[in-house]
């Protein structure tokens, strides 16, 4: 990473990440699931937004990444992040209707077990369907799913975001809106396209 890019990343992580997640719909007091959180690019700023009355679940199947995240969390004095180790298998280790917001950032193309004979890092519709059913289960009524879906053409069996929107719709979600914003991807700050879906319901998303 160049010095310029590193400066951009540090600046975004310090100020831009919170702005981005607020634009996506994360609010104070919420319960957030950062699915495939890695080392916490979005986990920590989400924790700052939800505050002491909220909780962020950091879920990943890479224990080393979660170890690094929890060390950073301790150093930053954040106490509202809960670690969730997973093998990638469903169901999600969360109760029904217990989450306000699910972040699916740069992960849909990685969903699946990659069994013998399958392409590595190549997700299929049935695998994504299993995840979306679980996301629907853990979300509260009117809960939000915010998704960033790169690598579709190269790492999935679909070719466009329209296909992903259809998959969400088939599992009972409604596309609430979309926007472009600066976000972190592959170690750089890029302009990414965000899709926001809701689970229909008559309850709000928590405190604003």
N, C-alpha and C. Protein backbone atom coordinates (compact mmCIF):
# COMPACT_ATOMS: atom_id res chain seq x y z
N UNK A 1 0.85 -1.19 0.00
CA UNK A 1 0.00 0.00 0.00
C UNK A 1 0.89 1.24 0.00
N UNK A 2 0.59 2.19 -0.87
CA UNK A 2 1.39 3.41 -0.95
C UNK A 2 1.15 4.27 0.27
N UNK A 3 2.07 5.24 0.48
CA UNK A 3 1.92 6.14 1.63
C UNK A 3 0.63 6.94 1.52
N UNK A 4 0.27 7.36 0.28
CA UNK A 4 -0.96 8.12 0.08
C UNK A 4 -2.17 7.28 0.43
N UNK A 5 -2.19 6.03 -0.06
CA UNK A 5 -3.31 5.15 0.25
C UNK A 5 -3.41 4.88 1.74
N UNK A 6 -2.26 4.70 2.39
CA UNK A 6 -2.26 4.44 3.82
C UNK A 6 -2.85 5.62 4.59
N UNK A 7 -2.51 6.84 4.15
CA UNK A 7 -3.07 8.03 4.77
C UNK A 7 -4.58 8.08 4.59
N UNK A 8 -5.04 7.75 3.38
CA UNK A 8 -6.47 7.73 3.11
C UNK A 8 -7.19 6.71 3.99
N UNK A 9 -6.59 5.53 4.14
CA UNK A 9 -7.20 4.48 4.95
C UNK A 9 -7.30 4.92 6.41
N UNK A 10 -6.22 5.49 6.93
CA UNK A 10 -6.22 5.92 8.33
C UNK A 10 -7.25 7.02 8.56
N UNK A 11 -7.34 7.95 7.61
CA UNK A 11 -8.31 9.03 7.74
C UNK A 11 -9.74 8.50 7.68
N UNK A 12 -9.97 7.56 6.77
CA UNK A 12 -11.31 6.98 6.65
C UNK A 12 -11.66 6.20 7.91
N UNK A 13 -10.70 5.43 8.42
CA UNK A 13 -10.97 4.62 9.60
C UNK A 13 -11.27 5.49 10.81
N UNK A 14 -10.64 6.67 10.88
CA UNK A 14 -10.82 7.55 12.02
C UNK A 14 -12.13 8.32 11.96
N UNK A 15 -12.50 8.77 10.76
CA UNK A 15 -13.67 9.64 10.64
C UNK A 15 -14.72 9.09 9.65
N UNK A 16 -14.27 8.59 8.51
CA UNK A 16 -15.19 8.21 7.46
C UNK A 16 -16.00 6.98 7.76
N UNK A 17 -15.46 6.04 8.52
CA UNK A 17 -16.17 4.78 8.78
C UNK A 17 -17.46 5.01 9.56
N UNK A 18 -17.40 5.87 10.56
CA UNK A 18 -18.61 6.17 11.34
C UNK A 18 -19.63 6.88 10.47
N UNK A 19 -19.19 7.85 9.66
CA UNK A 19 -20.12 8.55 8.76
C UNK A 19 -20.78 7.58 7.80
N UNK A 20 -19.97 6.67 7.26
CA UNK A 20 -20.49 5.69 6.31
C UNK A 20 -21.55 4.81 6.95
N UNK A 21 -21.28 4.28 8.13
CA UNK A 21 -22.23 3.37 8.78
C UNK A 21 -23.49 4.11 9.22
N UNK A 22 -23.36 5.35 9.60
CA UNK A 22 -24.56 6.13 9.92
C UNK A 22 -25.41 6.33 8.66
N UNK A 23 -24.75 6.58 7.54
CA UNK A 23 -25.50 6.72 6.29
C UNK A 23 -26.18 5.39 5.93
N UNK A 24 -25.50 4.29 6.25
CA UNK A 24 -26.08 2.97 5.96
C UNK A 24 -27.29 2.69 6.84
N UNK A 25 -27.35 3.28 8.04
CA UNK A 25 -28.52 3.07 8.88
C UNK A 25 -28.24 2.58 10.29
N UNK A 26 -26.98 2.50 10.70
CA UNK A 26 -26.65 2.08 12.05
C UNK A 26 -26.93 3.23 13.02
N UNK A 27 -27.58 2.91 14.14
CA UNK A 27 -28.00 3.93 15.09
C UNK A 27 -27.61 3.54 16.53
N UNK A 28 -27.61 4.54 17.40
CA UNK A 28 -27.32 4.31 18.82
C UNK A 28 -28.31 3.33 19.42
N UNK A 29 -27.82 2.48 20.31
CA UNK A 29 -28.66 1.56 21.04
C UNK A 29 -29.03 0.28 20.31
N UNK A 30 -28.55 0.10 19.08
CA UNK A 30 -28.94 -1.06 18.29
C UNK A 30 -28.07 -2.29 18.60
N UNK A 31 -28.58 -3.43 18.16
CA UNK A 31 -27.81 -4.67 18.13
C UNK A 31 -27.44 -4.94 16.68
N UNK A 32 -26.13 -5.04 16.42
CA UNK A 32 -25.61 -5.17 15.05
C UNK A 32 -24.84 -6.47 14.93
N UNK A 33 -25.05 -7.18 13.83
CA UNK A 33 -24.24 -8.35 13.49
C UNK A 33 -23.35 -7.99 12.31
N UNK A 34 -22.03 -8.02 12.55
CA UNK A 34 -21.06 -7.82 11.47
C UNK A 34 -20.64 -9.21 10.99
N UNK A 35 -21.28 -9.68 9.93
CA UNK A 35 -21.08 -11.05 9.44
C UNK A 35 -19.81 -11.07 8.57
N UNK A 36 -18.87 -11.97 8.92
CA UNK A 36 -17.60 -12.01 8.22
C UNK A 36 -16.78 -10.77 8.51
N UNK A 37 -16.65 -10.47 9.80
CA UNK A 37 -16.09 -9.18 10.23
C UNK A 37 -14.60 -9.03 9.99
N UNK A 38 -13.88 -10.15 9.84
CA UNK A 38 -12.42 -10.05 9.70
C UNK A 38 -11.81 -9.41 10.93
N UNK A 39 -10.93 -8.44 10.73
CA UNK A 39 -10.27 -7.77 11.85
C UNK A 39 -11.01 -6.52 12.30
N UNK A 40 -12.25 -6.36 11.85
CA UNK A 40 -13.09 -5.34 12.45
C UNK A 40 -13.11 -3.99 11.78
N UNK A 41 -12.93 -3.95 10.45
CA UNK A 41 -12.99 -2.68 9.73
C UNK A 41 -14.29 -1.94 10.03
N UNK A 42 -15.39 -2.69 10.09
CA UNK A 42 -16.70 -2.08 10.36
C UNK A 42 -17.17 -2.35 11.78
N UNK A 43 -16.61 -3.35 12.43
CA UNK A 43 -17.06 -3.71 13.78
C UNK A 43 -16.83 -2.57 14.76
N UNK A 44 -15.62 -2.04 14.78
CA UNK A 44 -15.28 -1.02 15.77
C UNK A 44 -16.05 0.29 15.55
N UNK A 45 -16.13 0.80 14.33
CA UNK A 45 -16.95 2.01 14.17
C UNK A 45 -18.43 1.78 14.47
N UNK A 46 -18.94 0.58 14.18
CA UNK A 46 -20.32 0.27 14.53
C UNK A 46 -20.49 0.30 16.05
N UNK A 47 -19.50 -0.22 16.77
CA UNK A 47 -19.57 -0.23 18.24
C UNK A 47 -19.58 1.19 18.79
N UNK A 48 -18.85 2.08 18.15
CA UNK A 48 -18.84 3.47 18.61
C UNK A 48 -20.20 4.12 18.40
N UNK A 49 -20.87 3.75 17.31
CA UNK A 49 -22.18 4.34 17.03
C UNK A 49 -23.24 3.82 17.99
N UNK A 50 -23.29 2.50 18.18
CA UNK A 50 -24.38 1.94 19.01
C UNK A 50 -24.20 2.28 20.47
N UNK A 51 -22.97 2.51 20.91
CA UNK A 51 -22.72 2.96 22.26
C UNK A 51 -22.95 1.91 23.33
N UNK A 52 -22.97 2.37 24.57
CA UNK A 52 -23.05 1.47 25.71
C UNK A 52 -24.36 0.71 25.77
N UNK A 53 -25.42 1.27 25.21
CA UNK A 53 -26.72 0.59 25.24
C UNK A 53 -26.88 -0.41 24.09
N UNK A 54 -25.91 -0.44 23.18
CA UNK A 54 -25.98 -1.35 22.04
C UNK A 54 -24.94 -2.45 22.12
N UNK A 55 -25.02 -3.36 21.16
CA UNK A 55 -24.08 -4.48 21.08
C UNK A 55 -23.74 -4.74 19.63
N UNK A 56 -22.47 -5.08 19.37
CA UNK A 56 -22.05 -5.50 18.04
C UNK A 56 -21.50 -6.92 18.15
N UNK A 57 -22.09 -7.84 17.39
CA UNK A 57 -21.59 -9.20 17.31
C UNK A 57 -20.61 -9.30 16.15
N UNK A 58 -19.40 -9.71 16.46
CA UNK A 58 -18.34 -9.87 15.47
C UNK A 58 -18.22 -11.34 15.13
N UNK A 59 -18.70 -11.73 13.94
CA UNK A 59 -18.73 -13.14 13.56
C UNK A 59 -17.78 -13.40 12.40
N UNK A 60 -16.94 -14.42 12.56
CA UNK A 60 -16.01 -14.79 11.49
C UNK A 60 -15.55 -16.22 11.71
N UNK A 61 -15.09 -16.86 10.63
CA UNK A 61 -14.57 -18.22 10.74
C UNK A 61 -13.05 -18.26 10.78
N UNK A 62 -12.42 -17.08 10.86
CA UNK A 62 -10.97 -16.98 10.97
C UNK A 62 -10.62 -16.60 12.40
N UNK A 63 -10.21 -17.56 13.23
CA UNK A 63 -9.92 -17.24 14.63
C UNK A 63 -8.78 -16.25 14.81
N UNK A 64 -7.81 -16.27 13.90
CA UNK A 64 -6.69 -15.32 14.01
C UNK A 64 -7.17 -13.89 13.81
N UNK A 65 -8.08 -13.70 12.86
CA UNK A 65 -8.63 -12.37 12.63
C UNK A 65 -9.42 -11.91 13.85
N UNK A 66 -10.21 -12.81 14.45
CA UNK A 66 -10.97 -12.44 15.64
C UNK A 66 -10.05 -12.17 16.82
N UNK A 67 -8.96 -12.93 16.93
CA UNK A 67 -7.99 -12.66 17.99
C UNK A 67 -7.45 -11.23 17.86
N UNK A 68 -7.06 -10.86 16.62
CA UNK A 68 -6.52 -9.53 16.38
C UNK A 68 -7.56 -8.45 16.69
N UNK A 69 -8.80 -8.72 16.28
CA UNK A 69 -9.86 -7.76 16.55
C UNK A 69 -10.06 -7.56 18.05
N UNK A 70 -10.13 -8.63 18.80
CA UNK A 70 -10.40 -8.49 20.23
C UNK A 70 -9.23 -7.84 20.97
N UNK A 71 -8.02 -8.03 20.48
CA UNK A 71 -6.89 -7.30 21.08
C UNK A 71 -7.06 -5.80 20.84
N UNK A 72 -7.44 -5.44 19.61
CA UNK A 72 -7.64 -4.03 19.28
C UNK A 72 -8.80 -3.45 20.07
N UNK A 73 -9.85 -4.24 20.26
CA UNK A 73 -11.01 -3.79 21.02
C UNK A 73 -10.60 -3.46 22.46
N UNK A 74 -9.79 -4.31 23.04
CA UNK A 74 -9.31 -4.07 24.40
C UNK A 74 -8.47 -2.80 24.47
N UNK A 75 -7.59 -2.62 23.49
CA UNK A 75 -6.75 -1.43 23.45
C UNK A 75 -7.57 -0.16 23.30
N UNK A 76 -8.66 -0.24 22.54
CA UNK A 76 -9.51 0.92 22.31
C UNK A 76 -10.53 1.16 23.42
N UNK A 77 -10.61 0.24 24.36
CA UNK A 77 -11.53 0.41 25.48
C UNK A 77 -12.99 0.18 25.13
N UNK A 78 -13.25 -0.56 24.04
CA UNK A 78 -14.62 -0.85 23.65
C UNK A 78 -15.11 -2.08 24.41
N UNK A 79 -16.29 -1.98 25.00
CA UNK A 79 -16.80 -3.07 25.83
C UNK A 79 -18.10 -3.66 25.31
N UNK A 80 -18.54 -3.23 24.14
CA UNK A 80 -19.85 -3.67 23.64
C UNK A 80 -19.74 -4.57 22.40
N UNK A 81 -18.58 -5.18 22.20
CA UNK A 81 -18.37 -6.09 21.07
C UNK A 81 -18.30 -7.52 21.60
N UNK A 82 -19.09 -8.40 20.98
CA UNK A 82 -19.13 -9.81 21.39
C UNK A 82 -18.58 -10.67 20.25
N UNK A 83 -17.62 -11.48 20.56
CA UNK A 83 -16.99 -12.36 19.57
C UNK A 83 -17.86 -13.59 19.32
N UNK A 84 -18.03 -13.93 18.02
CA UNK A 84 -18.75 -15.14 17.63
C UNK A 84 -17.89 -15.93 16.65
N UNK A 85 -17.30 -17.02 17.11
CA UNK A 85 -16.55 -17.91 16.22
C UNK A 85 -17.52 -18.82 15.49
N UNK A 86 -17.22 -19.11 14.23
CA UNK A 86 -18.09 -19.97 13.44
C UNK A 86 -17.25 -20.80 12.48
N UNK A 87 -17.80 -21.93 12.06
CA UNK A 87 -17.16 -22.73 11.01
C UNK A 87 -17.68 -22.33 9.63
N UNK A 88 -18.68 -21.46 9.61
CA UNK A 88 -19.34 -21.09 8.37
C UNK A 88 -20.65 -21.83 8.16
N UNK A 89 -20.92 -22.81 9.03
CA UNK A 89 -22.16 -23.59 8.90
C UNK A 89 -23.32 -22.85 9.55
N UNK A 90 -24.51 -23.09 9.04
CA UNK A 90 -25.71 -22.54 9.64
C UNK A 90 -26.26 -23.53 10.67
N UNK A 91 -27.04 -23.10 11.67
CA UNK A 91 -27.61 -21.76 11.81
C UNK A 91 -26.66 -20.78 12.45
N UNK A 92 -27.00 -19.51 12.37
CA UNK A 92 -26.25 -18.48 13.07
C UNK A 92 -26.48 -18.63 14.57
N UNK A 93 -25.44 -18.37 15.37
CA UNK A 93 -25.56 -18.58 16.83
C UNK A 93 -26.23 -17.41 17.54
N UNK A 94 -27.42 -17.04 17.07
CA UNK A 94 -28.17 -15.92 17.63
C UNK A 94 -29.65 -16.29 17.72
N UNK A 95 -30.36 -15.67 18.65
CA UNK A 95 -31.77 -15.94 18.84
C UNK A 95 -32.62 -15.32 17.73
N UNK A 96 -33.83 -15.83 17.58
CA UNK A 96 -34.78 -15.25 16.64
C UNK A 96 -35.05 -13.78 16.99
N UNK A 97 -35.22 -12.97 15.97
CA UNK A 97 -35.59 -11.54 16.09
C UNK A 97 -34.79 -10.83 17.19
N UNK A 98 -33.48 -11.01 17.18
CA UNK A 98 -32.63 -10.43 18.22
C UNK A 98 -31.70 -9.33 17.71
N UNK A 99 -31.71 -9.06 16.40
CA UNK A 99 -30.73 -8.16 15.79
C UNK A 99 -31.45 -7.05 15.03
N UNK A 100 -30.94 -5.82 15.16
CA UNK A 100 -31.50 -4.68 14.44
C UNK A 100 -30.90 -4.52 13.05
N UNK A 101 -29.59 -4.76 12.93
CA UNK A 101 -28.88 -4.52 11.67
C UNK A 101 -27.90 -5.65 11.41
N UNK A 102 -27.87 -6.15 10.18
CA UNK A 102 -26.86 -7.11 9.74
C UNK A 102 -26.02 -6.46 8.65
N UNK A 103 -24.71 -6.47 8.83
CA UNK A 103 -23.78 -5.96 7.82
C UNK A 103 -23.24 -7.13 7.01
N UNK A 104 -23.46 -7.10 5.70
CA UNK A 104 -22.93 -8.11 4.79
C UNK A 104 -22.02 -7.40 3.79
N UNK A 105 -20.85 -7.03 4.24
CA UNK A 105 -19.93 -6.24 3.43
C UNK A 105 -18.80 -7.11 2.89
N UNK A 106 -18.80 -7.28 1.56
CA UNK A 106 -17.74 -8.00 0.87
C UNK A 106 -17.64 -9.45 1.35
N UNK A 107 -18.81 -10.10 1.57
CA UNK A 107 -18.79 -11.47 2.07
C UNK A 107 -19.67 -12.44 1.28
N UNK A 108 -20.65 -11.96 0.53
CA UNK A 108 -21.58 -12.90 -0.11
C UNK A 108 -20.88 -13.84 -1.08
N UNK A 109 -19.80 -13.38 -1.70
CA UNK A 109 -19.07 -14.25 -2.64
C UNK A 109 -18.24 -15.30 -1.92
N UNK A 110 -18.14 -15.20 -0.59
CA UNK A 110 -17.36 -16.16 0.18
C UNK A 110 -18.23 -17.16 0.93
N UNK A 111 -19.55 -17.00 0.84
CA UNK A 111 -20.47 -17.86 1.60
C UNK A 111 -20.44 -19.27 1.05
N UNK A 112 -20.30 -20.25 1.96
CA UNK A 112 -20.33 -21.65 1.52
C UNK A 112 -19.17 -22.43 2.05
N UNK A 113 -19.29 -23.73 1.95
CA UNK A 113 -18.29 -24.62 2.52
C UNK A 113 -17.13 -24.92 1.58
N UNK A 114 -17.30 -24.64 0.28
CA UNK A 114 -16.29 -24.99 -0.71
C UNK A 114 -15.85 -26.45 -0.56
N UNK A 115 -16.80 -27.33 -0.73
CA UNK A 115 -16.52 -28.76 -0.63
C UNK A 115 -15.58 -29.20 -1.75
N UNK A 116 -15.07 -30.41 -1.61
CA UNK A 116 -14.13 -30.94 -2.60
C UNK A 116 -14.75 -30.89 -3.99
N UNK A 117 -13.97 -30.40 -4.95
CA UNK A 117 -14.45 -30.32 -6.32
C UNK A 117 -15.07 -28.99 -6.67
N UNK A 118 -15.39 -28.16 -5.68
CA UNK A 118 -15.96 -26.85 -5.95
C UNK A 118 -14.84 -25.82 -6.06
N UNK A 119 -15.15 -24.73 -6.76
CA UNK A 119 -14.19 -23.64 -6.85
C UNK A 119 -14.01 -23.01 -5.48
N UNK A 120 -12.77 -22.67 -5.15
CA UNK A 120 -12.51 -21.96 -3.90
C UNK A 120 -13.07 -20.56 -4.00
N UNK A 121 -13.62 -20.08 -2.89
CA UNK A 121 -14.17 -18.72 -2.82
C UNK A 121 -15.16 -18.47 -3.96
N UNK A 122 -16.08 -19.41 -4.17
CA UNK A 122 -17.08 -19.28 -5.22
C UNK A 122 -18.42 -19.71 -4.65
N UNK A 123 -19.26 -18.74 -4.29
CA UNK A 123 -20.52 -19.08 -3.63
C UNK A 123 -21.60 -19.40 -4.65
N UNK A 124 -22.56 -20.18 -4.19
CA UNK A 124 -23.68 -20.58 -5.05
C UNK A 124 -24.99 -20.09 -4.46
N UNK A 125 -26.02 -20.04 -5.28
CA UNK A 125 -27.33 -19.56 -4.83
C UNK A 125 -27.86 -20.34 -3.62
N UNK A 126 -27.80 -21.68 -3.61
CA UNK A 126 -28.29 -22.41 -2.43
C UNK A 126 -27.55 -22.04 -1.15
N UNK A 127 -26.24 -21.80 -1.25
CA UNK A 127 -25.47 -21.42 -0.07
C UNK A 127 -25.89 -20.03 0.43
N UNK A 128 -26.03 -19.11 -0.49
CA UNK A 128 -26.47 -17.77 -0.10
C UNK A 128 -27.88 -17.80 0.45
N UNK A 129 -28.73 -18.65 -0.13
CA UNK A 129 -30.12 -18.76 0.35
C UNK A 129 -30.14 -19.20 1.81
N UNK A 130 -29.28 -20.14 2.16
CA UNK A 130 -29.22 -20.59 3.55
C UNK A 130 -28.85 -19.46 4.48
N UNK A 131 -27.89 -18.62 4.07
CA UNK A 131 -27.52 -17.48 4.89
C UNK A 131 -28.66 -16.48 5.00
N UNK A 132 -29.30 -16.16 3.88
CA UNK A 132 -30.36 -15.16 3.90
C UNK A 132 -31.55 -15.61 4.75
N UNK A 133 -31.84 -16.91 4.74
CA UNK A 133 -32.90 -17.41 5.61
C UNK A 133 -32.55 -17.19 7.08
N UNK A 134 -31.30 -17.41 7.43
CA UNK A 134 -30.85 -17.21 8.79
C UNK A 134 -30.84 -15.72 9.16
N UNK A 135 -30.42 -14.87 8.24
CA UNK A 135 -30.45 -13.43 8.49
C UNK A 135 -31.88 -12.97 8.74
N UNK A 136 -32.80 -13.49 7.93
CA UNK A 136 -34.21 -13.15 8.12
C UNK A 136 -34.70 -13.60 9.50
N UNK A 137 -34.25 -14.77 9.93
CA UNK A 137 -34.68 -15.31 11.23
C UNK A 137 -34.19 -14.44 12.38
N UNK A 138 -32.93 -14.01 12.36
CA UNK A 138 -32.38 -13.29 13.51
C UNK A 138 -32.76 -11.81 13.52
N UNK A 139 -33.18 -11.28 12.38
CA UNK A 139 -33.55 -9.87 12.32
C UNK A 139 -34.88 -9.59 13.01
N UNK A 140 -34.94 -8.46 13.68
CA UNK A 140 -36.22 -7.99 14.21
C UNK A 140 -37.11 -7.52 13.07
N UNK A 141 -38.43 -7.48 13.28
CA UNK A 141 -39.30 -6.86 12.28
C UNK A 141 -38.83 -5.44 11.97
N UNK A 142 -38.80 -5.09 10.71
CA UNK A 142 -38.28 -3.81 10.22
C UNK A 142 -36.77 -3.71 10.36
N UNK A 143 -36.09 -4.83 10.64
CA UNK A 143 -34.63 -4.82 10.73
C UNK A 143 -33.99 -4.60 9.37
N UNK A 144 -32.74 -4.14 9.40
CA UNK A 144 -32.00 -3.71 8.22
C UNK A 144 -30.88 -4.68 7.87
N UNK A 145 -30.72 -4.96 6.58
CA UNK A 145 -29.53 -5.64 6.06
C UNK A 145 -28.85 -4.69 5.10
N UNK A 146 -27.59 -4.37 5.37
CA UNK A 146 -26.82 -3.50 4.50
C UNK A 146 -25.73 -4.33 3.84
N UNK A 147 -25.71 -4.36 2.50
CA UNK A 147 -24.84 -5.27 1.77
C UNK A 147 -23.97 -4.53 0.75
N UNK A 148 -22.72 -4.94 0.69
CA UNK A 148 -21.79 -4.51 -0.37
C UNK A 148 -21.35 -5.77 -1.07
N UNK A 149 -21.60 -5.85 -2.38
CA UNK A 149 -21.49 -7.13 -3.09
C UNK A 149 -20.54 -7.07 -4.28
N UNK A 150 -19.23 -6.92 -4.05
CA UNK A 150 -18.29 -6.99 -5.16
C UNK A 150 -18.01 -8.44 -5.56
N UNK A 151 -17.28 -8.63 -6.64
CA UNK A 151 -16.79 -9.94 -7.08
C UNK A 151 -17.89 -10.90 -7.51
N UNK A 152 -19.06 -10.41 -7.85
CA UNK A 152 -20.14 -11.31 -8.22
C UNK A 152 -19.81 -12.10 -9.48
N UNK A 153 -19.31 -11.43 -10.50
CA UNK A 153 -19.06 -12.10 -11.78
C UNK A 153 -17.95 -13.14 -11.70
N UNK A 154 -17.00 -12.92 -10.81
CA UNK A 154 -15.84 -13.80 -10.74
C UNK A 154 -15.91 -14.85 -9.63
N UNK A 155 -16.72 -14.60 -8.59
CA UNK A 155 -16.71 -15.48 -7.43
C UNK A 155 -18.08 -16.01 -7.03
N UNK A 156 -19.08 -15.86 -7.91
CA UNK A 156 -20.40 -16.42 -7.62
C UNK A 156 -20.98 -17.00 -8.91
N UNK A 157 -22.18 -17.54 -8.79
CA UNK A 157 -22.87 -18.09 -9.96
C UNK A 157 -23.87 -17.09 -10.55
N UNK A 158 -23.76 -15.81 -10.15
CA UNK A 158 -24.59 -14.76 -10.74
C UNK A 158 -23.69 -13.67 -11.31
N UNK A 159 -24.29 -12.78 -12.10
CA UNK A 159 -23.45 -11.80 -12.76
C UNK A 159 -23.70 -10.36 -12.41
N UNK A 160 -24.75 -10.09 -11.61
CA UNK A 160 -25.07 -8.69 -11.34
C UNK A 160 -25.77 -8.54 -10.01
N UNK A 161 -25.83 -7.30 -9.54
CA UNK A 161 -26.55 -7.00 -8.31
C UNK A 161 -28.05 -7.26 -8.45
N UNK A 162 -28.56 -7.15 -9.67
CA UNK A 162 -29.98 -7.44 -9.88
C UNK A 162 -30.31 -8.87 -9.46
N UNK A 163 -29.38 -9.79 -9.73
CA UNK A 163 -29.58 -11.19 -9.32
C UNK A 163 -29.60 -11.31 -7.80
N UNK A 164 -28.70 -10.57 -7.15
CA UNK A 164 -28.65 -10.60 -5.68
C UNK A 164 -29.92 -10.00 -5.10
N UNK A 165 -30.41 -8.92 -5.69
CA UNK A 165 -31.67 -8.33 -5.22
C UNK A 165 -32.81 -9.33 -5.32
N UNK A 166 -32.83 -10.10 -6.41
CA UNK A 166 -33.87 -11.12 -6.56
C UNK A 166 -33.76 -12.18 -5.47
N UNK A 167 -32.54 -12.55 -5.10
CA UNK A 167 -32.35 -13.55 -4.06
C UNK A 167 -32.85 -13.03 -2.71
N UNK A 168 -32.55 -11.79 -2.40
CA UNK A 168 -33.05 -11.20 -1.16
C UNK A 168 -34.58 -11.15 -1.17
N UNK A 169 -35.13 -10.72 -2.28
CA UNK A 169 -36.58 -10.59 -2.39
C UNK A 169 -37.27 -11.95 -2.21
N UNK A 170 -36.66 -12.99 -2.78
CA UNK A 170 -37.24 -14.33 -2.66
C UNK A 170 -37.27 -14.82 -1.22
N UNK A 171 -36.39 -14.27 -0.37
CA UNK A 171 -36.34 -14.69 1.03
C UNK A 171 -37.11 -13.73 1.94
N UNK A 172 -37.91 -12.85 1.34
CA UNK A 172 -38.80 -12.02 2.14
C UNK A 172 -38.30 -10.63 2.48
N UNK A 173 -37.19 -10.22 1.87
CA UNK A 173 -36.67 -8.88 2.12
C UNK A 173 -37.20 -7.89 1.07
N UNK A 174 -37.19 -6.63 1.43
CA UNK A 174 -37.59 -5.56 0.52
C UNK A 174 -36.44 -4.60 0.36
N UNK A 175 -36.09 -4.27 -0.89
CA UNK A 175 -35.04 -3.30 -1.14
C UNK A 175 -35.52 -1.92 -0.71
N UNK A 176 -34.87 -1.37 0.32
CA UNK A 176 -35.25 -0.07 0.85
C UNK A 176 -34.58 1.07 0.11
N UNK A 177 -33.36 0.83 -0.35
CA UNK A 177 -32.64 1.88 -1.05
C UNK A 177 -31.22 1.46 -1.35
N UNK A 178 -30.48 2.32 -2.05
CA UNK A 178 -29.09 2.05 -2.34
C UNK A 178 -28.36 3.38 -2.45
N UNK A 179 -27.07 3.33 -2.24
CA UNK A 179 -26.27 4.56 -2.33
C UNK A 179 -24.81 4.19 -2.58
N UNK A 180 -24.06 5.18 -3.03
CA UNK A 180 -22.63 5.02 -3.22
C UNK A 180 -21.89 5.82 -2.17
N UNK A 181 -20.83 5.24 -1.64
CA UNK A 181 -20.08 5.92 -0.59
C UNK A 181 -18.66 5.38 -0.55
N UNK A 182 -17.77 6.15 0.05
CA UNK A 182 -16.41 5.69 0.25
C UNK A 182 -16.40 4.64 1.35
N UNK A 183 -15.73 3.51 1.05
CA UNK A 183 -15.60 2.45 2.03
C UNK A 183 -14.26 1.76 1.84
N UNK A 184 -13.94 0.89 2.77
CA UNK A 184 -12.66 0.18 2.69
C UNK A 184 -12.86 -1.17 2.02
N UNK A 185 -12.02 -1.45 1.02
CA UNK A 185 -12.10 -2.71 0.29
C UNK A 185 -10.71 -3.11 -0.17
N UNK A 186 -10.30 -4.32 0.20
CA UNK A 186 -8.98 -4.85 -0.19
C UNK A 186 -7.85 -3.90 0.19
N UNK A 187 -7.97 -3.30 1.35
CA UNK A 187 -6.90 -2.46 1.86
C UNK A 187 -6.88 -1.05 1.34
N UNK A 188 -7.83 -0.69 0.49
CA UNK A 188 -7.89 0.65 -0.07
C UNK A 188 -9.24 1.29 0.21
N UNK A 189 -9.33 2.60 0.01
CA UNK A 189 -10.59 3.31 0.10
C UNK A 189 -11.13 3.47 -1.32
N UNK A 190 -12.34 2.95 -1.54
CA UNK A 190 -12.94 2.97 -2.87
C UNK A 190 -14.37 3.48 -2.75
N UNK A 191 -14.97 3.82 -3.89
CA UNK A 191 -16.37 4.18 -3.92
C UNK A 191 -17.17 2.91 -4.18
N UNK A 192 -17.92 2.49 -3.19
CA UNK A 192 -18.67 1.25 -3.30
C UNK A 192 -20.16 1.47 -3.38
N UNK A 193 -20.88 0.48 -3.90
CA UNK A 193 -22.33 0.55 -4.03
C UNK A 193 -22.95 -0.29 -2.93
N UNK A 194 -23.83 0.33 -2.14
CA UNK A 194 -24.45 -0.33 -1.00
C UNK A 194 -25.92 -0.58 -1.29
N UNK A 195 -26.38 -1.79 -1.00
CA UNK A 195 -27.79 -2.16 -1.10
C UNK A 195 -28.35 -2.32 0.31
N UNK A 196 -29.43 -1.62 0.61
CA UNK A 196 -30.08 -1.73 1.92
C UNK A 196 -31.44 -2.42 1.77
N UNK A 197 -31.61 -3.51 2.52
CA UNK A 197 -32.85 -4.27 2.53
C UNK A 197 -33.46 -4.23 3.93
N UNK A 198 -34.78 -4.39 3.99
CA UNK A 198 -35.44 -4.50 5.29
C UNK A 198 -36.25 -5.78 5.34
N UNK A 199 -36.35 -6.31 6.55
CA UNK A 199 -37.32 -7.37 6.81
C UNK A 199 -38.64 -6.68 7.16
N UNK A 200 -39.67 -6.85 6.36
CA UNK A 200 -40.92 -6.14 6.63
C UNK A 200 -41.43 -6.41 8.04
N UNK A 201 -41.99 -5.39 8.66
CA UNK A 201 -42.53 -5.51 10.00
C UNK A 201 -43.05 -4.18 10.47
N UNK A 202 -43.63 -4.17 11.64
CA UNK A 202 -44.24 -2.94 12.14
C UNK A 202 -43.49 -2.35 13.32
N UNK A 203 -42.24 -2.83 13.55
CA UNK A 203 -41.49 -2.32 14.67
C UNK A 203 -40.31 -1.52 14.16
N UNK A 204 -39.91 -0.48 14.89
CA UNK A 204 -38.78 0.36 14.48
C UNK A 204 -37.45 -0.35 14.69
N UNK A 205 -36.38 0.35 14.31
CA UNK A 205 -35.04 -0.24 14.35
C UNK A 205 -34.25 0.15 15.58
N UNK A 206 -34.86 0.61 16.60
CA UNK A 206 -34.09 0.97 17.79
C UNK A 206 -33.90 2.47 17.87
N UNK A 207 -33.17 2.88 18.89
CA UNK A 207 -33.00 4.30 19.15
C UNK A 207 -32.23 4.97 18.03
N UNK A 208 -32.50 6.26 17.84
CA UNK A 208 -31.79 7.03 16.82
C UNK A 208 -30.69 7.85 17.47
